[in-house]
Amino acid sequence: MSESISSASFTSPALSAPSSTLPNISKKILNIVGRTNAKYRLINEGDKILLGLSGGKDSMLLATILAYMQRHAPFKFEFKAITIDYGRGGEYEYIIEYCARHGIPYELLRTDIYRILEEHKREGTIYCSFCSRMRRGTLYSEALKGGFNKVALGHHMDDITESFFMNLAYNGSLRSMPPIYRAENGLFVIRPMIFVRERQIIDFIASNGIYIAPDCNCPINWLPEDKRPKARENTKQMLATLEAQNPLFFKSLQNAFKNIHANSFCDEKYLDKQE
């Protein structure tokens, strides 16, 4: 990152004795994550994983899944959840209480990302991408500082599908999100829930009565005059229409993401070579 982000961390004390019982995760979700982990070797013996825990539904489920895996998987690994505060305050008590209750190691990291966003904001622009890069850079820095070898993110099947169509429609590229990749700093970034549907995550939150902050502490919701990103919402609506017309649409997409014929496009790197 080009900007210097000052930070201060607060490790939450245990509010009560950790519960040995985690919220109920459906067998379907556990099977999907288990198969994904086995296929792509996302989490292995001895791994030390830092989870970016925003407090939204996706990362709350992933924190619970990692806690479940730590107790039941036939291999040992460590993980810690960290919330990156943007420097404007937010609703974090429910995250601290949830992690303490379920024995999830947790840290709240205070930063001045919001100040930097305000200093660089231009009228009529969307700063989601800039904000995301700063947040991700802070997460990477904390992972390297803490001796972690992997960073876990809560992206799911709907996310990667939306990313694919947004890149196709707005960026002119065939690109999405892989289950695992190595960042330039050497850390591996993993997405254990990459084939879980968003509606399954919503059901997990609802069926367990888990509280989620309405805006997940996202900066885009703080100032009403800020321009909102519309590309993702438009893409969501398009995909909902396509799925309504073809209930197997997402299943087909999942298969397509694993069945790429690169030489059927026009990128010369993948075309058959002439003698």
C-alpha atoms as a PDB file:
ATOM      1  CA  MET A   1       0.000   0.000   0.000  1.00  0.00           C
ATOM      2  CA  SER A   2       1.188   3.483  -0.727  1.00  0.00           C
ATOM      3  CA  GLU A   3      -0.550   4.972   2.302  1.00  0.00           C
ATOM      4  CA  SER A   4       0.682   4.564   5.848  1.00  0.00           C
ATOM      5  CA  ILE A   5      -2.061   3.278   8.116  1.00  0.00           C
ATOM      6  CA  SER A   6      -1.539   3.743  11.823  1.00  0.00           C
ATOM      7  CA  SER A   7      -3.218   1.138  14.002  1.00  0.00           C
ATOM      8  CA  ALA A   8      -3.817  -0.040  17.507  1.00  0.00           C
ATOM      9  CA  SER A   9      -5.063  -3.477  18.447  1.00  0.00           C
ATOM     10  CA  PHE A  10      -7.351  -4.658  21.195  1.00  0.00           C
ATOM     11  CA  THR A  11      -7.556  -8.342  22.021  1.00  0.00           C
ATOM     12  CA  SER A  12     -10.912  -9.175  23.518  1.00  0.00           C
ATOM     13  CA  PRO A  13     -10.999 -10.727  26.973  1.00  0.00           C
ATOM     14  CA  ALA A  14     -13.163 -13.771  27.530  1.00  0.00           C
ATOM     15  CA  LEU A  15     -16.565 -12.477  28.594  1.00  0.00           C
ATOM     16  CA  SER A  16     -17.550 -15.897  29.908  1.00  0.00           C
ATOM     17  CA  ALA A  17     -16.376 -19.475  29.724  1.00  0.00           C
ATOM     18  CA  PRO A  18     -16.274 -20.511  26.047  1.00  0.00           C
ATOM     19  CA  SER A  19     -19.196 -22.687  24.993  1.00  0.00           C
ATOM     20  CA  SER A  20     -18.342 -26.206  23.844  1.00  0.00           C
ATOM     21  CA  THR A  21     -21.408 -26.097  21.614  1.00  0.00           C
ATOM     22  CA  LEU A  22     -21.188 -24.116  18.390  1.00  0.00           C
ATOM     23  CA  PRO A  23     -24.204 -22.837  16.451  1.00  0.00           C
ATOM     24  CA  ASN A  24     -25.690 -25.504  14.209  1.00  0.00           C
ATOM     25  CA  ILE A  25     -24.094 -25.682  10.752  1.00  0.00           C
ATOM     26  CA  SER A  26     -26.088 -27.681   8.223  1.00  0.00           C
ATOM     27  CA  LYS A  27     -24.617 -30.939   7.001  1.00  0.00           C
ATOM     28  CA  LYS A  28     -24.887 -29.616   3.454  1.00  0.00           C
ATOM     29  CA  ILE A  29     -22.640 -26.631   4.217  1.00  0.00           C
ATOM     30  CA  LEU A  30     -20.155 -28.816   6.089  1.00  0.00           C
ATOM     31  CA  ASN A  31     -20.064 -31.300   3.187  1.00  0.00           C
ATOM     32  CA  ILE A  32     -19.493 -28.531   0.640  1.00  0.00           C
ATOM     33  CA  VAL A  33     -16.676 -26.975   2.670  1.00  0.00           C
ATOM     34  CA  GLY A  34     -15.179 -30.377   3.454  1.00  0.00           C
ATOM     35  CA  ARG A  35     -15.069 -31.414  -0.196  1.00  0.00           C
ATOM     36  CA  THR A  36     -13.688 -28.023  -1.220  1.00  0.00           C
ATOM     37  CA  ASN A  37     -10.965 -28.255   1.409  1.00  0.00           C
ATOM     38  CA  ALA A  38     -10.020 -31.780   0.329  1.00  0.00           C
ATOM     39  CA  LYS A  39      -9.978 -30.931  -3.390  1.00  0.00           C
ATOM     40  CA  TYR A  40      -7.901 -27.751  -3.142  1.00  0.00           C
ATOM     41  CA  ARG A  41      -5.962 -28.499   0.085  1.00  0.00           C
ATOM     42  CA  LEU A  42      -6.933 -25.164   1.590  1.00  0.00           C
ATOM     43  CA  ILE A  43      -6.221 -26.018   5.229  1.00  0.00           C
ATOM     44  CA  ASN A  44      -3.506 -28.501   6.134  1.00  0.00           C
ATOM     45  CA  GLU A  45      -1.657 -29.839   9.129  1.00  0.00           C
ATOM     46  CA  GLY A  46       0.224 -27.074  10.937  1.00  0.00           C
ATOM     47  CA  ASP A  47      -1.342 -24.145   9.087  1.00  0.00           C
ATOM     48  CA  LYS A  48      -1.697 -20.847  10.916  1.00  0.00           C
ATOM     49  CA  ILE A  49      -4.646 -18.923   9.490  1.00  0.00           C
ATOM     50  CA  LEU A  50      -5.775 -15.324   9.959  1.00  0.00           C
ATOM     51  CA  LEU A  51      -9.473 -14.808   9.265  1.00  0.00           C
ATOM     52  CA  GLY A  52     -10.759 -11.407   8.196  1.00  0.00           C
ATOM     53  CA  LEU A  53     -13.907 -11.081  10.350  1.00  0.00           C
ATOM     54  CA  SER A  54     -15.982  -8.091   9.286  1.00  0.00           C
ATOM     55  CA  GLY A  55     -18.947  -9.142  11.394  1.00  0.00           C
ATOM     56  CA  GLY A  56     -21.131  -9.736   8.338  1.00  0.00           C
ATOM     57  CA  LYS A  57     -23.002 -12.981   7.740  1.00  0.00           C
ATOM     58  CA  ASP A  58     -20.301 -14.531   5.519  1.00  0.00           C
ATOM     59  CA  SER A  59     -17.332 -14.077   7.829  1.00  0.00           C
ATOM     60  CA  MET A  60     -19.387 -15.013  10.917  1.00  0.00           C
ATOM     61  CA  LEU A  61     -20.223 -18.358   9.319  1.00  0.00           C
ATOM     62  CA  LEU A  62     -16.608 -18.880   8.246  1.00  0.00           C
ATOM     63  CA  ALA A  63     -15.391 -18.202  11.804  1.00  0.00           C
ATOM     64  CA  THR A  64     -17.849 -20.825  13.035  1.00  0.00           C
ATOM     65  CA  ILE A  65     -16.771 -23.321  10.364  1.00  0.00           C
ATOM     66  CA  LEU A  66     -13.092 -22.903  11.246  1.00  0.00           C
ATOM     67  CA  ALA A  67     -13.911 -23.401  14.938  1.00  0.00           C
ATOM     68  CA  TYR A  68     -15.866 -26.549  14.025  1.00  0.00           C
ATOM     69  CA  MET A  69     -13.034 -27.859  11.835  1.00  0.00           C
ATOM     70  CA  GLN A  70     -10.500 -27.195  14.564  1.00  0.00           C
ATOM     71  CA  ARG A  71     -12.487 -29.448  16.886  1.00  0.00           C
ATOM     72  CA  HIS A  72     -13.362 -32.233  14.423  1.00  0.00           C
ATOM     73  CA  ALA A  73     -10.831 -32.321  11.565  1.00  0.00           C
ATOM     74  CA  PRO A  74      -8.193 -35.115  11.610  1.00  0.00           C
ATOM     75  CA  PHE A  75      -5.418 -32.514  11.404  1.00  0.00           C
ATOM     76  CA  LYS A  76      -4.275 -29.680  13.639  1.00  0.00           C
ATOM     77  CA  PHE A  77      -4.205 -26.024  12.646  1.00  0.00           C
ATOM     78  CA  GLU A  78      -4.403 -22.636  14.336  1.00  0.00           C
ATOM     79  CA  PHE A  79      -6.577 -19.681  13.442  1.00  0.00           C
ATOM     80  CA  LYS A  80      -7.413 -16.238  14.731  1.00  0.00           C
ATOM     81  CA  ALA A  81     -10.163 -13.847  13.695  1.00  0.00           C
ATOM     82  CA  ILE A  82      -9.404 -10.160  13.262  1.00  0.00           C
ATOM     83  CA  THR A  83     -11.711  -7.221  12.633  1.00  0.00           C
ATOM     84  CA  ILE A  84     -10.211  -4.168  10.977  1.00  0.00           C
ATOM     85  CA  ASP A  85     -11.841  -1.001  12.273  1.00  0.00           C
ATOM     86  CA  TYR A  86     -11.736   1.850   9.768  1.00  0.00           C
ATOM     87  CA  GLY A  87     -11.126   4.524  12.394  1.00  0.00           C
ATOM     88  CA  ARG A  88     -14.625   5.924  12.619  1.00  0.00           C
ATOM     89  CA  GLY A  89     -16.012   3.532  15.181  1.00  0.00           C
ATOM     90  CA  GLY A  90     -18.541   0.799  14.651  1.00  0.00           C
ATOM     91  CA  GLU A  91     -20.648  -1.889  16.255  1.00  0.00           C
ATOM     92  CA  TYR A  92     -18.244  -4.561  17.454  1.00  0.00           C
ATOM     93  CA  GLU A  93     -19.608  -5.754  20.796  1.00  0.00           C
ATOM     94  CA  TYR A  94     -21.613  -8.560  19.206  1.00  0.00           C
ATOM     95  CA  ILE A  95     -18.499  -9.866  17.416  1.00  0.00           C
ATOM     96  CA  ILE A  96     -16.423  -9.781  20.591  1.00  0.00           C
ATOM     97  CA  GLU A  97     -19.158 -11.575  22.550  1.00  0.00           C
ATOM     98  CA  TYR A  98     -19.691 -14.217  19.814  1.00  0.00           C
ATOM     99  CA  CYS A  99     -15.997 -15.064  19.601  1.00  0.00           C
ATOM    100  CA  ALA A 100     -15.569 -15.173  23.373  1.00  0.00           C
ATOM    101  CA  ARG A 101     -18.626 -17.395  23.806  1.00  0.00           C
ATOM    102  CA  HIS A 102     -17.412 -19.898  21.220  1.00  0.00           C
ATOM    103  CA  GLY A 103     -13.717 -19.881  22.040  1.00  0.00           C
ATOM    104  CA  ILE A 104     -12.624 -18.140  18.843  1.00  0.00           C
ATOM    105  CA  PRO A 105      -9.337 -16.200  19.264  1.00  0.00           C
ATOM    106  CA  TYR A 106     -10.135 -12.626  18.292  1.00  0.00           C
ATOM    107  CA  GLU A 107      -8.572  -9.201  17.841  1.00  0.00           C
ATOM    108  CA  LEU A 108     -10.056  -5.809  16.998  1.00  0.00           C
ATOM    109  CA  LEU A 109      -7.538  -3.668  15.110  1.00  0.00           C
ATOM    110  CA  ARG A 110      -8.078   0.095  15.034  1.00  0.00           C
ATOM    111  CA  THR A 111      -6.786   1.899  11.931  1.00  0.00           C
ATOM    112  CA  ASP A 112      -7.128   5.313  10.251  1.00  0.00           C
ATOM    113  CA  ILE A 113      -8.372   3.958   6.905  1.00  0.00           C
ATOM    114  CA  TYR A 114     -11.422   6.225   7.033  1.00  0.00           C
ATOM    115  CA  ARG A 115      -9.275   9.352   7.343  1.00  0.00           C
ATOM    116  CA  ILE A 116      -7.268   8.316   4.290  1.00  0.00           C
ATOM    117  CA  LEU A 117     -10.469   7.634   2.346  1.00  0.00           C
ATOM    118  CA  GLU A 118     -11.791  11.100   3.161  1.00  0.00           C
ATOM    119  CA  GLU A 119      -8.515  12.763   2.169  1.00  0.00           C
ATOM    120  CA  HIS A 120      -8.489  11.031  -1.232  1.00  0.00           C
ATOM    121  CA  LYS A 121     -12.203  11.018  -2.018  1.00  0.00           C
ATOM    122  CA  ARG A 122     -13.328  12.757  -5.177  1.00  0.00           C
ATOM    123  CA  GLU A 123     -16.860  13.983  -5.627  1.00  0.00           C
ATOM    124  CA  GLY A 124     -19.041  11.566  -7.561  1.00  0.00           C
ATOM    125  CA  THR A 125     -16.619   8.637  -7.273  1.00  0.00           C
ATOM    126  CA  ILE A 126     -16.925   5.304  -5.524  1.00  0.00           C
ATOM    127  CA  TYR A 127     -14.081   4.441  -3.167  1.00  0.00           C
ATOM    128  CA  CYS A 128     -15.006   0.790  -2.523  1.00  0.00           C
ATOM    129  CA  SER A 129     -12.013  -0.551  -4.466  1.00  0.00           C
ATOM    130  CA  PHE A 130      -9.551   1.809  -2.728  1.00  0.00           C
ATOM    131  CA  CYS A 131     -11.028   0.928   0.653  1.00  0.00           C
ATOM    132  CA  SER A 132     -10.848  -2.796  -0.107  1.00  0.00           C
ATOM    133  CA  ARG A 133      -7.168  -2.557  -1.091  1.00  0.00           C
ATOM    134  CA  MET A 134      -6.282  -0.752   2.128  1.00  0.00           C
ATOM    135  CA  ARG A 135      -8.248  -3.195   4.249  1.00  0.00           C
ATOM    136  CA  ARG A 136      -6.693  -6.187   2.495  1.00  0.00           C
ATOM    137  CA  GLY A 137      -3.223  -4.674   2.794  1.00  0.00           C
ATOM    138  CA  THR A 138      -3.710  -4.193   6.541  1.00  0.00           C
ATOM    139  CA  LEU A 139      -4.919  -7.784   6.866  1.00  0.00           C
ATOM    140  CA  TYR A 140      -1.849  -9.049   5.006  1.00  0.00           C
ATOM    141  CA  SER A 141       0.479  -6.951   7.154  1.00  0.00           C
ATOM    142  CA  GLU A 142      -1.041  -8.325  10.349  1.00  0.00           C
ATOM    143  CA  ALA A 143      -0.792 -11.881   9.007  1.00  0.00           C
ATOM    144  CA  LEU A 144       2.905 -11.492   8.211  1.00  0.00           C
ATOM    145  CA  LYS A 145       3.561  -9.800  11.542  1.00  0.00           C
ATOM    146  CA  GLY A 146       1.837 -12.631  13.414  1.00  0.00           C
ATOM    147  CA  GLY A 147       3.569 -15.472  11.600  1.00  0.00           C
ATOM    148  CA  PHE A 148       0.440 -16.667   9.771  1.00  0.00           C
ATOM    149  CA  ASN A 149       0.912 -18.505   6.481  1.00  0.00           C
ATOM    150  CA  LYS A 150      -2.661 -18.176   5.208  1.00  0.00           C
ATOM    151  CA  VAL A 151      -5.448 -15.594   5.158  1.00  0.00           C
ATOM    152  CA  ALA A 152      -9.063 -16.812   5.036  1.00  0.00           C
ATOM    153  CA  LEU A 153     -11.842 -14.824   3.360  1.00  0.00           C
ATOM    154  CA  GLY A 154     -15.587 -15.441   3.410  1.00  0.00           C
ATOM    155  CA  HIS A 155     -16.407 -15.214  -0.298  1.00  0.00           C
ATOM    156  CA  HIS A 156     -19.117 -17.595  -1.493  1.00  0.00           C
ATOM    157  CA  MET A 157     -20.551 -18.911  -4.773  1.00  0.00           C
ATOM    158  CA  ASP A 158     -22.743 -15.870  -5.387  1.00  0.00           C
ATOM    159  CA  ASP A 159     -19.711 -13.589  -4.866  1.00  0.00           C
ATOM    160  CA  ILE A 160     -17.521 -15.365  -7.394  1.00  0.00           C
ATOM    161  CA  THR A 161     -20.360 -15.517  -9.912  1.00  0.00           C
ATOM    162  CA  GLU A 162     -21.062 -11.799  -9.552  1.00  0.00           C
ATOM    163  CA  SER A 163     -17.342 -11.100  -9.876  1.00  0.00           C
ATOM    164  CA  PHE A 164     -17.172 -13.126 -13.096  1.00  0.00           C
ATOM    165  CA  PHE A 165     -20.082 -11.307 -14.736  1.00  0.00           C
ATOM    166  CA  MET A 166     -18.937  -7.878 -13.506  1.00  0.00           C
ATOM    167  CA  ASN A 167     -15.501  -8.457 -15.023  1.00  0.00           C
ATOM    168  CA  LEU A 168     -17.137  -9.690 -18.212  1.00  0.00           C
ATOM    169  CA  ALA A 169     -19.574  -6.771 -18.510  1.00  0.00           C
ATOM    170  CA  TYR A 170     -17.547  -3.853 -17.134  1.00  0.00           C
ATOM    171  CA  ASN A 171     -13.840  -4.775 -17.367  1.00  0.00           C
ATOM    172  CA  GLY A 172     -13.671  -6.830 -20.562  1.00  0.00           C
ATOM    173  CA  SER A 173     -11.992  -9.812 -18.917  1.00  0.00           C
ATOM    174  CA  LEU A 174     -12.820 -13.436 -18.103  1.00  0.00           C
ATOM    175  CA  ARG A 175     -11.882 -13.424 -14.456  1.00  0.00           C
ATOM    176  CA  SER A 176     -13.325 -14.485 -11.124  1.00  0.00           C
ATOM    177  CA  MET A 177     -12.059 -15.617  -7.690  1.00  0.00           C
ATOM    178  CA  PRO A 178     -10.042 -18.824  -7.128  1.00  0.00           C
ATOM    179  CA  PRO A 179     -10.372 -21.010  -4.005  1.00  0.00           C
ATOM    180  CA  ILE A 180      -6.680 -20.435  -3.229  1.00  0.00           C
ATOM    181  CA  TYR A 181      -3.890 -18.233  -4.542  1.00  0.00           C
ATOM    182  CA  ARG A 182      -0.500 -16.987  -3.438  1.00  0.00           C
ATOM    183  CA  ALA A 183      -0.269 -13.239  -2.868  1.00  0.00           C
ATOM    184  CA  GLU A 184       2.845 -11.320  -3.882  1.00  0.00           C
ATOM    185  CA  ASN A 185       3.982 -11.282  -0.246  1.00  0.00           C
ATOM    186  CA  GLY A 186       4.010 -15.093  -0.121  1.00  0.00           C
ATOM    187  CA  LEU A 187       0.814 -15.548   1.894  1.00  0.00           C
ATOM    188  CA  PHE A 188      -1.781 -17.974   0.613  1.00  0.00           C
ATOM    189  CA  VAL A 189      -5.315 -16.587   0.467  1.00  0.00           C
ATOM    190  CA  ILE A 190      -8.048 -19.206   0.863  1.00  0.00           C
ATOM    191  CA  ARG A 191     -11.828 -19.158   0.345  1.00  0.00           C
ATOM    192  CA  PRO A 192     -13.244 -22.264   2.062  1.00  0.00           C
ATOM    193  CA  MET A 193     -16.884 -21.272   1.343  1.00  0.00           C
ATOM    194  CA  ILE A 194     -16.396 -20.632  -2.369  1.00  0.00           C
ATOM    195  CA  PHE A 195     -19.094 -23.169  -3.383  1.00  0.00           C
ATOM    196  CA  VAL A 196     -21.583 -22.317  -0.611  1.00  0.00           C
ATOM    197  CA  ARG A 197     -24.632 -20.373  -1.794  1.00  0.00           C
ATOM    198  CA  GLU A 198     -25.475 -17.055  -0.170  1.00  0.00           C
ATOM    199  CA  ARG A 199     -28.970 -18.247   0.726  1.00  0.00           C
ATOM    200  CA  GLN A 200     -27.433 -21.086   2.757  1.00  0.00           C
ATOM    201  CA  ILE A 201     -25.438 -18.517   4.737  1.00  0.00           C
ATOM    202  CA  ILE A 202     -28.554 -16.411   5.316  1.00  0.00           C
ATOM    203  CA  ASP A 203     -30.341 -19.527   6.574  1.00  0.00           C
ATOM    204  CA  PHE A 204     -27.463 -20.304   8.982  1.00  0.00           C
ATOM    205  CA  ILE A 205     -27.673 -16.823  10.482  1.00  0.00           C
ATOM    206  CA  ALA A 206     -31.477 -16.856  10.729  1.00  0.00           C
ATOM    207  CA  SER A 207     -31.873 -20.404  12.075  1.00  0.00           C
ATOM    208  CA  ASN A 208     -29.319 -19.769  14.836  1.00  0.00           C
ATOM    209  CA  GLY A 209     -30.636 -16.305  15.714  1.00  0.00           C
ATOM    210  CA  ILE A 210     -27.216 -14.710  15.213  1.00  0.00           C
ATOM    211  CA  TYR A 211     -27.176 -10.915  15.330  1.00  0.00           C
ATOM    212  CA  ILE A 212     -25.485  -9.106  12.444  1.00  0.00           C
ATOM    213  CA  ALA A 213     -24.919  -5.324  12.317  1.00  0.00           C
ATOM    214  CA  PRO A 214     -27.190  -3.843   9.622  1.00  0.00           C
ATOM    215  CA  ASP A 215     -24.370  -2.294   7.588  1.00  0.00           C
ATOM    216  CA  CYS A 216     -21.506  -4.580   8.703  1.00  0.00           C
ATOM    217  CA  ASN A 217     -19.606  -1.373   9.606  1.00  0.00           C
ATOM    218  CA  CYS A 218     -19.091  -0.624   5.902  1.00  0.00           C
ATOM    219  CA  PRO A 219     -17.896   2.960   5.170  1.00  0.00           C
ATOM    220  CA  ILE A 220     -20.156   3.288   2.119  1.00  0.00           C
ATOM    221  CA  ASN A 221     -23.142   3.467   4.467  1.00  0.00           C
ATOM    222  CA  TRP A 222     -21.819   6.268   6.667  1.00  0.00           C
ATOM    223  CA  LEU A 223     -22.379   9.271   4.422  1.00  0.00           C
ATOM    224  CA  PRO A 224     -25.701   9.482   2.571  1.00  0.00           C
ATOM    225  CA  GLU A 225     -24.260  11.751  -0.117  1.00  0.00           C
ATOM    226  CA  ASP A 226     -21.660   9.199  -1.175  1.00  0.00           C
ATOM    227  CA  LYS A 227     -22.174   7.564  -4.558  1.00  0.00           C
ATOM    228  CA  ARG A 228     -23.281   3.947  -4.181  1.00  0.00           C
ATOM    229  CA  PRO A 229     -21.836   1.114  -6.279  1.00  0.00           C
ATOM    230  CA  LYS A 230     -24.549  -0.093  -8.676  1.00  0.00           C
ATOM    231  CA  ALA A 231     -22.699  -2.637 -10.808  1.00  0.00           C
ATOM    232  CA  ARG A 232     -22.902  -5.410  -8.219  1.00  0.00           C
ATOM    233  CA  GLU A 233     -26.578  -4.804  -7.437  1.00  0.00           C
ATOM    234  CA  ASN A 234     -27.418  -4.780 -11.149  1.00  0.00           C
ATOM    235  CA  THR A 235     -25.491  -8.027 -11.561  1.00  0.00           C
ATOM    236  CA  LYS A 236     -27.305  -9.601  -8.602  1.00  0.00           C
ATOM    237  CA  GLN A 237     -30.649  -8.801 -10.193  1.00  0.00           C
ATOM    238  CA  MET A 238     -29.568 -10.200 -13.562  1.00  0.00           C
ATOM    239  CA  LEU A 239     -28.371 -13.451 -11.973  1.00  0.00           C
ATOM    240  CA  ALA A 240     -31.584 -13.779  -9.966  1.00  0.00           C
ATOM    241  CA  THR A 241     -33.554 -13.523 -13.208  1.00  0.00           C
ATOM    242  CA  LEU A 242     -31.372 -16.128 -14.917  1.00  0.00           C
ATOM    243  CA  GLU A 243     -31.707 -18.522 -11.986  1.00  0.00           C
ATOM    244  CA  ALA A 244     -35.483 -18.043 -11.932  1.00  0.00           C
ATOM    245  CA  GLN A 245     -35.551 -19.061 -15.595  1.00  0.00           C
ATOM    246  CA  ASN A 246     -33.114 -21.954 -15.027  1.00  0.00           C
ATOM    247  CA  PRO A 247     -32.962 -23.361 -11.470  1.00  0.00           C
ATOM    248  CA  LEU A 248     -29.752 -25.233 -12.342  1.00  0.00           C
ATOM    249  CA  PHE A 249     -27.981 -22.063 -13.512  1.00  0.00           C
ATOM    250  CA  PHE A 250     -25.588 -21.784 -10.544  1.00  0.00           C
ATOM    251  CA  LYS A 251     -24.870 -25.516 -10.600  1.00  0.00           C
ATOM    252  CA  SER A 252     -23.887 -25.222 -14.245  1.00  0.00           C
ATOM    253  CA  LEU A 253     -21.704 -22.210 -13.457  1.00  0.00           C
ATOM    254  CA  GLN A 254     -19.956 -24.104 -10.678  1.00  0.00           C
ATOM    255  CA  ASN A 255     -19.137 -26.882 -13.127  1.00  0.00           C
ATOM    256  CA  ALA A 256     -18.018 -24.331 -15.724  1.00  0.00           C
ATOM    257  CA  PHE A 257     -15.562 -22.727 -13.283  1.00  0.00           C
ATOM    258  CA  LYS A 258     -13.897 -26.154 -13.006  1.00  0.00           C
ATOM    259  CA  ASN A 259     -14.032 -26.908 -16.742  1.00  0.00           C
ATOM    260  CA  ILE A 260     -12.196 -24.130 -18.561  1.00  0.00           C
ATOM    261  CA  HIS A 261     -11.278 -24.454 -22.243  1.00  0.00           C
ATOM    262  CA  ALA A 262      -8.804 -21.584 -22.549  1.00  0.00           C
ATOM    263  CA  ASN A 263      -7.975 -22.287 -26.202  1.00  0.00           C
ATOM    264  CA  SER A 264     -11.610 -21.736 -27.237  1.00  0.00           C
ATOM    265  CA  PHE A 265     -11.185 -17.970 -26.756  1.00  0.00           C
ATOM    266  CA  CYS A 266      -9.007 -15.438 -28.584  1.00  0.00           C
ATOM    267  CA  ASP A 267      -6.068 -14.914 -26.226  1.00  0.00           C
ATOM    268  CA  GLU A 268      -3.024 -15.860 -28.308  1.00  0.00           C
ATOM    269  CA  LYS A 269      -1.267 -17.286 -25.242  1.00  0.00           C
ATOM    270  CA  TYR A 270      -3.682 -20.207 -25.289  1.00  0.00           C
ATOM    271  CA  LEU A 271      -4.137 -20.802 -29.009  1.00  0.00           C
ATOM    272  CA  ASP A 272      -2.673 -23.894 -30.627  1.00  0.00           C
ATOM    273  CA  LYS A 273       0.835 -23.156 -31.915  1.00  0.00           C
ATOM    274  CA  GLN A 274       1.566 -23.461 -35.615  1.00  0.00           C
ATOM    275  CA  GLU A 275       4.719 -25.274 -36.681  1.00  0.00           C
END
